[in-house]
Amino acid sequence: MNLKLSAPKEITWIIAVVAGVLGLLMHFGVISLGGISAMFLVGLGFVLLALATLVKGL
């Protein structure tokens, strides 16, 4: 299988990192964002980075 991976755009990378950091801060009880799950935010950041490496231009 030959995958052609590409680096994510800077804005995509920033959004994914912010989502991951917010998820970690929620997990440790530093902040609270209402009904949003901490694991959801960490997962969202990971999935966004994974998709951005597979889809060119994301």
C-alpha atoms as a PDB file:
ATOM      1  CA  MET A   1       0.000   0.000   0.000  1.00  0.00           C
ATOM      2  CA  ASN A   2       1.509   3.298  -1.096  1.00  0.00           C
ATOM      3  CA  LEU A   3       0.144   6.215   0.937  1.00  0.00           C
ATOM      4  CA  LYS A   4       1.006   9.718  -0.156  1.00  0.00           C
ATOM      5  CA  LEU A   5       0.946  11.717   3.057  1.00  0.00           C
ATOM      6  CA  SER A   6       1.123  15.482   3.266  1.00  0.00           C
ATOM      7  CA  ALA A   7       1.732  17.905   6.088  1.00  0.00           C
ATOM      8  CA  PRO A   8      -1.415  19.552   7.469  1.00  0.00           C
ATOM      9  CA  LYS A   9      -1.953  23.261   6.981  1.00  0.00           C
ATOM     10  CA  GLU A  10      -0.897  25.441   9.879  1.00  0.00           C
ATOM     11  CA  ILE A  11      -4.458  26.419  10.836  1.00  0.00           C
ATOM     12  CA  THR A  12      -5.533  22.746  10.883  1.00  0.00           C
ATOM     13  CA  TRP A  13      -2.589  21.879  13.112  1.00  0.00           C
ATOM     14  CA  ILE A  14      -3.370  24.772  15.490  1.00  0.00           C
ATOM     15  CA  ILE A  15      -7.056  23.774  15.764  1.00  0.00           C
ATOM     16  CA  ALA A  16      -6.114  20.147  16.495  1.00  0.00           C
ATOM     17  CA  VAL A  17      -3.570  21.125  19.155  1.00  0.00           C
ATOM     18  CA  VAL A  18      -6.002  23.550  20.819  1.00  0.00           C
ATOM     19  CA  ALA A  19      -8.678  20.835  20.921  1.00  0.00           C
ATOM     20  CA  GLY A  20      -6.207  18.383  22.447  1.00  0.00           C
ATOM     21  CA  VAL A  21      -4.946  20.855  25.057  1.00  0.00           C
ATOM     22  CA  LEU A  22      -8.500  21.838  26.018  1.00  0.00           C
ATOM     23  CA  GLY A  23      -9.348  18.140  26.388  1.00  0.00           C
ATOM     24  CA  LEU A  24      -6.354  17.590  28.672  1.00  0.00           C
ATOM     25  CA  LEU A  25      -7.201  20.650  30.767  1.00  0.00           C
ATOM     26  CA  MET A  26     -10.773  19.393  31.130  1.00  0.00           C
ATOM     27  CA  HIS A  27      -9.562  15.924  32.101  1.00  0.00           C
ATOM     28  CA  PHE A  28      -7.461  17.334  34.934  1.00  0.00           C
ATOM     29  CA  GLY A  29     -10.272  19.625  36.101  1.00  0.00           C
ATOM     30  CA  VAL A  30      -8.578  22.922  35.268  1.00  0.00           C
ATOM     31  CA  ILE A  31     -11.468  24.094  33.058  1.00  0.00           C
ATOM     32  CA  SER A  32     -15.034  23.032  32.348  1.00  0.00           C
ATOM     33  CA  LEU A  33     -16.800  23.426  29.011  1.00  0.00           C
ATOM     34  CA  GLY A  34     -20.281  22.261  29.920  1.00  0.00           C
ATOM     35  CA  GLY A  35     -21.538  19.136  28.178  1.00  0.00           C
ATOM     36  CA  ILE A  36     -18.447  18.522  26.054  1.00  0.00           C
ATOM     37  CA  SER A  37     -16.423  15.448  26.981  1.00  0.00           C
ATOM     38  CA  ALA A  38     -12.683  15.774  27.497  1.00  0.00           C
ATOM     39  CA  MET A  39     -12.106  12.528  25.613  1.00  0.00           C
ATOM     40  CA  PHE A  40     -14.168  13.871  22.701  1.00  0.00           C
ATOM     41  CA  LEU A  41     -11.886  16.889  22.352  1.00  0.00           C
ATOM     42  CA  VAL A  42      -8.693  14.826  22.523  1.00  0.00           C
ATOM     43  CA  GLY A  43     -10.139  12.389  19.992  1.00  0.00           C
ATOM     44  CA  LEU A  44     -11.246  15.228  17.739  1.00  0.00           C
ATOM     45  CA  GLY A  45      -7.734  16.664  17.721  1.00  0.00           C
ATOM     46  CA  PHE A  46      -6.212  13.297  16.884  1.00  0.00           C
ATOM     47  CA  VAL A  47      -8.698  12.514  14.114  1.00  0.00           C
ATOM     48  CA  LEU A  48      -8.283  15.973  12.615  1.00  0.00           C
ATOM     49  CA  LEU A  49      -4.495  15.560  12.456  1.00  0.00           C
ATOM     50  CA  ALA A  50      -4.818  12.065  10.986  1.00  0.00           C
ATOM     51  CA  LEU A  51      -7.254  13.229   8.303  1.00  0.00           C
ATOM     52  CA  ALA A  52      -5.125  16.260   7.498  1.00  0.00           C
ATOM     53  CA  THR A  53      -2.148  14.033   6.731  1.00  0.00           C
ATOM     54  CA  LEU A  54      -4.211  11.818   4.448  1.00  0.00           C
ATOM     55  CA  VAL A  55      -6.184  14.538   2.613  1.00  0.00           C
ATOM     56  CA  LYS A  56      -4.064  16.961   0.643  1.00  0.00           C
ATOM     57  CA  GLY A  57      -4.955  20.613   1.287  1.00  0.00           C
ATOM     58  CA  LEU A  58      -6.678  20.119   4.641  1.00  0.00           C
END
